[in-house]
Amino acid sequence: RLNPSEPLSTSLYAVPGSIDFATRVAKILARRTGLPTYVGCSAVFGSSVIEEEMAAVRAAVEGAMGVLREAKR
């Protein structure tokens, strides 16, 4: 059964080190928009701290939501 607060996620192609980031961003965007979401990512956060990765997630989500808001106008 589909639960809107728990979006489904399927990796089409995994670049080692970036799949967690792409999955996290895709799930956040799917939850906020209620739409199917496809996210690609080639960033690798090998030795970064969690704060840096979360800042990147926040920037990606805010950027994508800004683009979606503009497209609705």
PDB file of N, CA and C in Angstrom:
ATOM      1  N   ARG A   1       0.841  -1.174   0.000  1.00  0.00           N
ATOM      2  CA  ARG A   1       0.000   0.000   0.000  1.00  0.00           C
ATOM      3  C   ARG A   1       0.889   1.240   0.000  1.00  0.00           C
ATOM      4  N   LEU A   2       0.526   2.228  -0.803  1.00  0.00           N
ATOM      5  CA  LEU A   2       1.313   3.456  -0.911  1.00  0.00           C
ATOM      6  C   LEU A   2       1.067   4.350   0.293  1.00  0.00           C
ATOM      7  N   ASN A   3       2.162   4.768   0.913  1.00  0.00           N
ATOM      8  CA  ASN A   3       2.098   5.685   2.050  1.00  0.00           C
ATOM      9  C   ASN A   3       2.823   6.963   1.626  1.00  0.00           C
ATOM     10  N   PRO A   4       2.113   8.083   1.444  1.00  0.00           N
ATOM     11  CA  PRO A   4       2.742   9.316   0.968  1.00  0.00           C
ATOM     12  C   PRO A   4       3.904   9.811   1.826  1.00  0.00           C
ATOM     13  N   SER A   5       3.927   9.473   3.102  1.00  0.00           N
ATOM     14  CA  SER A   5       5.026   9.935   3.945  1.00  0.00           C
ATOM     15  C   SER A   5       6.260   9.048   3.806  1.00  0.00           C
ATOM     16  N   GLU A   6       6.141   7.923   3.120  1.00  0.00           N
ATOM     17  CA  GLU A   6       7.266   7.010   2.886  1.00  0.00           C
ATOM     18  C   GLU A   6       7.387   6.731   1.395  1.00  0.00           C
ATOM     19  N   PRO A   7       7.966   7.671   0.622  1.00  0.00           N
ATOM     20  CA  PRO A   7       8.056   7.479  -0.823  1.00  0.00           C
ATOM     21  C   PRO A   7       8.913   6.268  -1.183  1.00  0.00           C
ATOM     22  N   LEU A   8       8.541   5.618  -2.290  1.00  0.00           N
ATOM     23  CA  LEU A   8       9.323   4.502  -2.799  1.00  0.00           C
ATOM     24  C   LEU A   8      10.557   5.044  -3.498  1.00  0.00           C
ATOM     25  N   SER A   9      11.611   4.256  -3.533  1.00  0.00           N
ATOM     26  CA  SER A   9      12.843   4.690  -4.171  1.00  0.00           C
ATOM     27  C   SER A   9      13.496   3.513  -4.878  1.00  0.00           C
ATOM     28  N   THR A  10      13.884   3.734  -6.128  1.00  0.00           N
ATOM     29  CA  THR A  10      14.578   2.712  -6.900  1.00  0.00           C
ATOM     30  C   THR A  10      15.791   3.349  -7.554  1.00  0.00           C
ATOM     31  N   SER A  11      16.945   2.759  -7.372  1.00  0.00           N
ATOM     32  CA  SER A  11      18.168   3.264  -8.001  1.00  0.00           C
ATOM     33  C   SER A  11      18.262   2.697  -9.414  1.00  0.00           C
ATOM     34  N   LEU A  12      18.397   3.583 -10.385  1.00  0.00           N
ATOM     35  CA  LEU A  12      18.541   3.127 -11.755  1.00  0.00           C
ATOM     36  C   LEU A  12      20.005   2.844 -12.086  1.00  0.00           C
ATOM     37  N   TYR A  13      20.891   3.672 -11.574  1.00  0.00           N
ATOM     38  CA  TYR A  13      22.323   3.498 -11.781  1.00  0.00           C
ATOM     39  C   TYR A  13      23.008   4.086 -10.572  1.00  0.00           C
ATOM     40  N   ALA A  14      23.853   3.326  -9.968  1.00  0.00           N
ATOM     41  CA  ALA A  14      24.492   3.773  -8.725  1.00  0.00           C
ATOM     42  C   ALA A  14      25.955   4.122  -8.951  1.00  0.00           C
ATOM     43  N   VAL A  15      26.315   5.372  -8.684  1.00  0.00           N
ATOM     44  CA  VAL A  15      27.708   5.788  -8.644  1.00  0.00           C
ATOM     45  C   VAL A  15      28.125   5.632  -7.193  1.00  0.00           C
ATOM     46  N   PRO A  16      29.090   4.772  -6.922  1.00  0.00           N
ATOM     47  CA  PRO A  16      29.478   4.547  -5.523  1.00  0.00           C
ATOM     48  C   PRO A  16      29.742   5.860  -4.784  1.00  0.00           C
ATOM     49  N   GLY A  17      29.184   5.980  -3.619  1.00  0.00           N
ATOM     50  CA  GLY A  17      29.393   7.170  -2.804  1.00  0.00           C
ATOM     51  C   GLY A  17      28.347   8.247  -2.994  1.00  0.00           C
ATOM     52  N   SER A  18      27.526   8.162  -4.040  1.00  0.00           N
ATOM     53  CA  SER A  18      26.536   9.218  -4.264  1.00  0.00           C
ATOM     54  C   SER A  18      25.101   8.711  -4.175  1.00  0.00           C
ATOM     55  N   ILE A  19      24.901   7.413  -4.101  1.00  0.00           N
ATOM     56  CA  ILE A  19      23.547   6.874  -4.115  1.00  0.00           C
ATOM     57  C   ILE A  19      22.739   7.302  -2.897  1.00  0.00           C
ATOM     58  N   ASP A  20      23.360   7.360  -1.723  1.00  0.00           N
ATOM     59  CA  ASP A  20      22.632   7.786  -0.517  1.00  0.00           C
ATOM     60  C   ASP A  20      22.163   9.230  -0.640  1.00  0.00           C
ATOM     61  N   PHE A  21      23.033  10.077  -1.165  1.00  0.00           N
ATOM     62  CA  PHE A  21      22.689  11.490  -1.344  1.00  0.00           C
ATOM     63  C   PHE A  21      21.520  11.629  -2.312  1.00  0.00           C
ATOM     64  N   ALA A  22      21.608  10.989  -3.464  1.00  0.00           N
ATOM     65  CA  ALA A  22      20.550  11.087  -4.472  1.00  0.00           C
ATOM     66  C   ALA A  22      19.229  10.528  -3.948  1.00  0.00           C
ATOM     67  N   THR A  23      19.286   9.420  -3.244  1.00  0.00           N
ATOM     68  CA  THR A  23      18.072   8.810  -2.689  1.00  0.00           C
ATOM     69  C   THR A  23      17.435   9.728  -1.658  1.00  0.00           C
ATOM     70  N   ARG A  24      18.236  10.303  -0.799  1.00  0.00           N
ATOM     71  CA  ARG A  24      17.720  11.206   0.244  1.00  0.00           C
ATOM     72  C   ARG A  24      17.038  12.424  -0.387  1.00  0.00           C
ATOM     73  N   VAL A  25      17.701  13.041  -1.369  1.00  0.00           N
ATOM     74  CA  VAL A  25      17.125  14.215  -2.029  1.00  0.00           C
ATOM     75  C   VAL A  25      15.844  13.840  -2.773  1.00  0.00           C
ATOM     76  N   ALA A  26      15.847  12.713  -3.478  1.00  0.00           N
ATOM     77  CA  ALA A  26      14.660  12.288  -4.223  1.00  0.00           C
ATOM     78  C   ALA A  26      13.474  12.052  -3.292  1.00  0.00           C
ATOM     79  N   LYS A  27      13.700  11.417  -2.167  1.00  0.00           N
ATOM     80  CA  LYS A  27      12.606  11.143  -1.233  1.00  0.00           C
ATOM     81  C   LYS A  27      12.053  12.430  -0.630  1.00  0.00           C
ATOM     82  N   ILE A  28      12.921  13.369  -0.301  1.00  0.00           N
ATOM     83  CA  ILE A  28      12.463  14.649   0.256  1.00  0.00           C
ATOM     84  C   ILE A  28      11.618  15.391  -0.777  1.00  0.00           C
ATOM     85  N   LEU A  29      12.110  15.449  -2.020  1.00  0.00           N
ATOM     86  CA  LEU A  29      11.371  16.150  -3.066  1.00  0.00           C
ATOM     87  C   LEU A  29      10.040  15.462  -3.369  1.00  0.00           C
ATOM     88  N   ALA A  30      10.031  14.144  -3.399  1.00  0.00           N
ATOM     89  CA  ALA A  30       8.787  13.408  -3.654  1.00  0.00           C
ATOM     90  C   ALA A  30       7.769  13.674  -2.557  1.00  0.00           C
ATOM     91  N   ARG A  31       8.237  13.706  -1.322  1.00  0.00           N
ATOM     92  CA  ARG A  31       7.348  13.975  -0.192  1.00  0.00           C
ATOM     93  C   ARG A  31       6.775  15.386  -0.271  1.00  0.00           C
ATOM     94  N   ARG A  32       7.619  16.351  -0.584  1.00  0.00           N
ATOM     95  CA  ARG A  32       7.166  17.750  -0.601  1.00  0.00           C
ATOM     96  C   ARG A  32       6.271  18.067  -1.792  1.00  0.00           C
ATOM     97  N   THR A  33       6.531  17.454  -2.938  1.00  0.00           N
ATOM     98  CA  THR A  33       5.776  17.790  -4.141  1.00  0.00           C
ATOM     99  C   THR A  33       4.617  16.846  -4.412  1.00  0.00           C
ATOM    100  N   GLY A  34       4.694  15.625  -3.915  1.00  0.00           N
ATOM    101  CA  GLY A  34       3.679  14.634  -4.220  1.00  0.00           C
ATOM    102  C   GLY A  34       3.784  14.116  -5.635  1.00  0.00           C
ATOM    103  N   LEU A  35       4.942  14.323  -6.264  1.00  0.00           N
ATOM    104  CA  LEU A  35       5.166  13.919  -7.653  1.00  0.00           C
ATOM    105  C   LEU A  35       6.289  12.890  -7.738  1.00  0.00           C
ATOM    106  N   PRO A  36       6.296  12.092  -8.805  1.00  0.00           N
ATOM    107  CA  PRO A  36       7.450  11.212  -9.032  1.00  0.00           C
ATOM    108  C   PRO A  36       8.701  12.080  -9.207  1.00  0.00           C
ATOM    109  N   THR A  37       9.787  11.656  -8.648  1.00  0.00           N
ATOM    110  CA  THR A  37      11.001  12.466  -8.654  1.00  0.00           C
ATOM    111  C   THR A  37      12.193  11.634  -9.102  1.00  0.00           C
ATOM    112  N   TYR A  38      12.954  12.183 -10.023  1.00  0.00           N
ATOM    113  CA  TYR A  38      14.171  11.530 -10.514  1.00  0.00           C
ATOM    114  C   TYR A  38      15.349  12.434 -10.193  1.00  0.00           C
ATOM    115  N   VAL A  39      16.335  11.909  -9.492  1.00  0.00           N
ATOM    116  CA  VAL A  39      17.493  12.697  -9.093  1.00  0.00           C
ATOM    117  C   VAL A  39      18.759  11.980  -9.516  1.00  0.00           C
ATOM    118  N   GLY A  40      19.639  12.710 -10.170  1.00  0.00           N
ATOM    119  CA  GLY A  40      20.952  12.189 -10.515  1.00  0.00           C
ATOM    120  C   GLY A  40      21.992  12.900  -9.683  1.00  0.00           C
ATOM    121  N   CYS A  41      23.065  12.224  -9.380  1.00  0.00           N
ATOM    122  CA  CYS A  41      24.097  12.831  -8.545  1.00  0.00           C
ATOM    123  C   CYS A  41      25.441  12.178  -8.840  1.00  0.00           C
ATOM    124  N   SER A  42      26.446  12.996  -9.019  1.00  0.00           N
ATOM    125  CA  SER A  42      27.792  12.461  -9.192  1.00  0.00           C
ATOM    126  C   SER A  42      28.724  12.967  -8.099  1.00  0.00           C
ATOM    127  N   ALA A  43      28.172  13.634  -7.102  1.00  0.00           N
ATOM    128  CA  ALA A  43      28.986  14.122  -5.987  1.00  0.00           C
ATOM    129  C   ALA A  43      29.348  12.959  -5.073  1.00  0.00           C
ATOM    130  N   VAL A  44      30.577  12.963  -4.607  1.00  0.00           N
ATOM    131  CA  VAL A  44      31.031  11.917  -3.688  1.00  0.00           C
ATOM    132  C   VAL A  44      31.428  12.585  -2.381  1.00  0.00           C
ATOM    133  N   PHE A  45      30.850  12.115  -1.294  1.00  0.00           N
ATOM    134  CA  PHE A  45      31.108  12.672   0.027  1.00  0.00           C
ATOM    135  C   PHE A  45      31.898  11.670   0.861  1.00  0.00           C
ATOM    136  N   GLY A  46      33.026  11.245   0.356  1.00  0.00           N
ATOM    137  CA  GLY A  46      33.811  10.204   1.005  1.00  0.00           C
ATOM    138  C   GLY A  46      34.276  10.524   2.408  1.00  0.00           C
ATOM    139  N   SER A  47      34.986  11.624   2.576  1.00  0.00           N
ATOM    140  CA  SER A  47      35.562  11.922   3.888  1.00  0.00           C
ATOM    141  C   SER A  47      34.939  13.159   4.530  1.00  0.00           C
ATOM    142  N   SER A  48      33.792  13.587   4.031  1.00  0.00           N
ATOM    143  CA  SER A  48      33.174  14.784   4.593  1.00  0.00           C
ATOM    144  C   SER A  48      32.418  14.439   5.877  1.00  0.00           C
ATOM    145  N   VAL A  49      32.161  15.465   6.638  1.00  0.00           N
ATOM    146  CA  VAL A  49      31.386  15.273   7.866  1.00  0.00           C
ATOM    147  C   VAL A  49      29.903  15.381   7.535  1.00  0.00           C
ATOM    148  N   ILE A  50      29.068  14.859   8.397  1.00  0.00           N
ATOM    149  CA  ILE A  50      27.625  14.811   8.141  1.00  0.00           C
ATOM    150  C   ILE A  50      27.038  16.204   7.944  1.00  0.00           C
ATOM    151  N   GLU A  51      27.564  17.201   8.633  1.00  0.00           N
ATOM    152  CA  GLU A  51      27.055  18.564   8.495  1.00  0.00           C
ATOM    153  C   GLU A  51      27.234  19.074   7.070  1.00  0.00           C
ATOM    154  N   GLU A  52      28.377  18.741   6.436  1.00  0.00           N
ATOM    155  CA  GLU A  52      28.624  19.168   5.062  1.00  0.00           C
ATOM    156  C   GLU A  52      27.650  18.483   4.097  1.00  0.00           C
ATOM    157  N   GLU A  53      27.433  17.201   4.309  1.00  0.00           N
ATOM    158  CA  GLU A  53      26.511  16.480   3.435  1.00  0.00           C
ATOM    159  C   GLU A  53      25.079  16.995   3.613  1.00  0.00           C
ATOM    160  N   MET A  54      24.669  17.257   4.838  1.00  0.00           N
ATOM    161  CA  MET A  54      23.324  17.766   5.081  1.00  0.00           C
ATOM    162  C   MET A  54      23.148  19.168   4.501  1.00  0.00           C
ATOM    163  N   ALA A  55      24.192  19.980   4.531  1.00  0.00           N
ATOM    164  CA  ALA A  55      24.130  21.303   3.909  1.00  0.00           C
ATOM    165  C   ALA A  55      23.946  21.165   2.400  1.00  0.00           C
ATOM    166  N   ALA A  56      24.603  20.181   1.799  1.00  0.00           N
ATOM    167  CA  ALA A  56      24.450  19.933   0.368  1.00  0.00           C
ATOM    168  C   ALA A  56      23.042  19.435   0.053  1.00  0.00           C
ATOM    169  N   VAL A  57      22.485  18.565   0.891  1.00  0.00           N
ATOM    170  CA  VAL A  57      21.106  18.088   0.711  1.00  0.00           C
ATOM    171  C   VAL A  57      20.154  19.276   0.785  1.00  0.00           C
ATOM    172  N   ARG A  58      20.326  20.114   1.797  1.00  0.00           N
ATOM    173  CA  ARG A  58      19.468  21.285   1.974  1.00  0.00           C
ATOM    174  C   ARG A  58      19.542  22.200   0.757  1.00  0.00           C
ATOM    175  N   ALA A  59      20.750  22.456   0.261  1.00  0.00           N
ATOM    176  CA  ALA A  59      20.917  23.325  -0.908  1.00  0.00           C
ATOM    177  C   ALA A  59      20.270  22.715  -2.149  1.00  0.00           C
ATOM    178  N   ALA A  60      20.416  21.415  -2.342  1.00  0.00           N
ATOM    179  CA  ALA A  60      19.821  20.745  -3.501  1.00  0.00           C
ATOM    180  C   ALA A  60      18.302  20.810  -3.446  1.00  0.00           C
ATOM    181  N   VAL A  61      17.725  20.533  -2.279  1.00  0.00           N
ATOM    182  CA  VAL A  61      16.267  20.553  -2.130  1.00  0.00           C
ATOM    183  C   VAL A  61      15.736  21.972  -2.305  1.00  0.00           C
ATOM    184  N   GLU A  62      16.363  22.947  -1.678  1.00  0.00           N
ATOM    185  CA  GLU A  62      15.913  24.331  -1.803  1.00  0.00           C
ATOM    186  C   GLU A  62      16.011  24.807  -3.250  1.00  0.00           C
ATOM    187  N   GLY A  63      17.092  24.442  -3.928  1.00  0.00           N
ATOM    188  CA  GLY A  63      17.253  24.816  -5.331  1.00  0.00           C
ATOM    189  C   GLY A  63      16.184  24.201  -6.216  1.00  0.00           C
ATOM    190  N   ALA A  64      15.927  22.920  -6.031  1.00  0.00           N
ATOM    191  CA  ALA A  64      14.911  22.240  -6.836  1.00  0.00           C
ATOM    192  C   ALA A  64      13.520  22.793  -6.544  1.00  0.00           C
ATOM    193  N   MET A  65      13.210  23.043  -5.291  1.00  0.00           N
ATOM    194  CA  MET A  65      11.896  23.589  -4.947  1.00  0.00           C
ATOM    195  C   MET A  65      11.726  24.998  -5.520  1.00  0.00           C
ATOM    196  N   GLY A  66      12.793  25.776  -5.560  1.00  0.00           N
ATOM    197  CA  GLY A  66      12.733  27.105  -6.172  1.00  0.00           C
ATOM    198  C   GLY A  66      12.424  27.028  -7.655  1.00  0.00           C
ATOM    199  N   VAL A  67      13.052  26.094  -8.335  1.00  0.00           N
ATOM    200  CA  VAL A  67      12.795  25.904  -9.765  1.00  0.00           C
ATOM    201  C   VAL A  67      11.349  25.464  -9.986  1.00  0.00           C
ATOM    202  N   LEU A  68      10.864  24.555  -9.156  1.00  0.00           N
ATOM    203  CA  LEU A  68       9.473  24.097  -9.291  1.00  0.00           C
ATOM    204  C   LEU A  68       8.471  25.215  -9.030  1.00  0.00           C
ATOM    205  N   ARG A  69       8.759  26.066  -8.048  1.00  0.00           N
ATOM    206  CA  ARG A  69       7.876  27.206  -7.762  1.00  0.00           C
ATOM    207  C   ARG A  69       7.808  28.141  -8.958  1.00  0.00           C
ATOM    208  N   GLU A  70       8.960  28.421  -9.556  1.00  0.00           N
ATOM    209  CA  GLU A  70       9.010  29.304 -10.718  1.00  0.00           C
ATOM    210  C   GLU A  70       8.253  28.695 -11.908  1.00  0.00           C
ATOM    211  N   ALA A  71       8.361  27.378 -12.070  1.00  0.00           N
ATOM    212  CA  ALA A  71       7.698  26.714 -13.195  1.00  0.00           C
ATOM    213  C   ALA A  71       6.176  26.766 -13.043  1.00  0.00           C
ATOM    214  N   LYS A  72       5.678  26.827 -11.824  1.00  0.00           N
ATOM    215  CA  LYS A  72       4.224  26.878 -11.598  1.00  0.00           C
ATOM    216  C   LYS A  72       3.635  28.245 -11.906  1.00  0.00           C
ATOM    217  N   ARG A  73       4.469  29.268 -11.965  1.00  0.00           N
ATOM    218  CA  ARG A  73       3.974  30.641 -12.209  1.00  0.00           C
ATOM    219  C   ARG A  73       3.534  30.819 -13.615  1.00  0.00           C
TER     220      ARG A  73
END
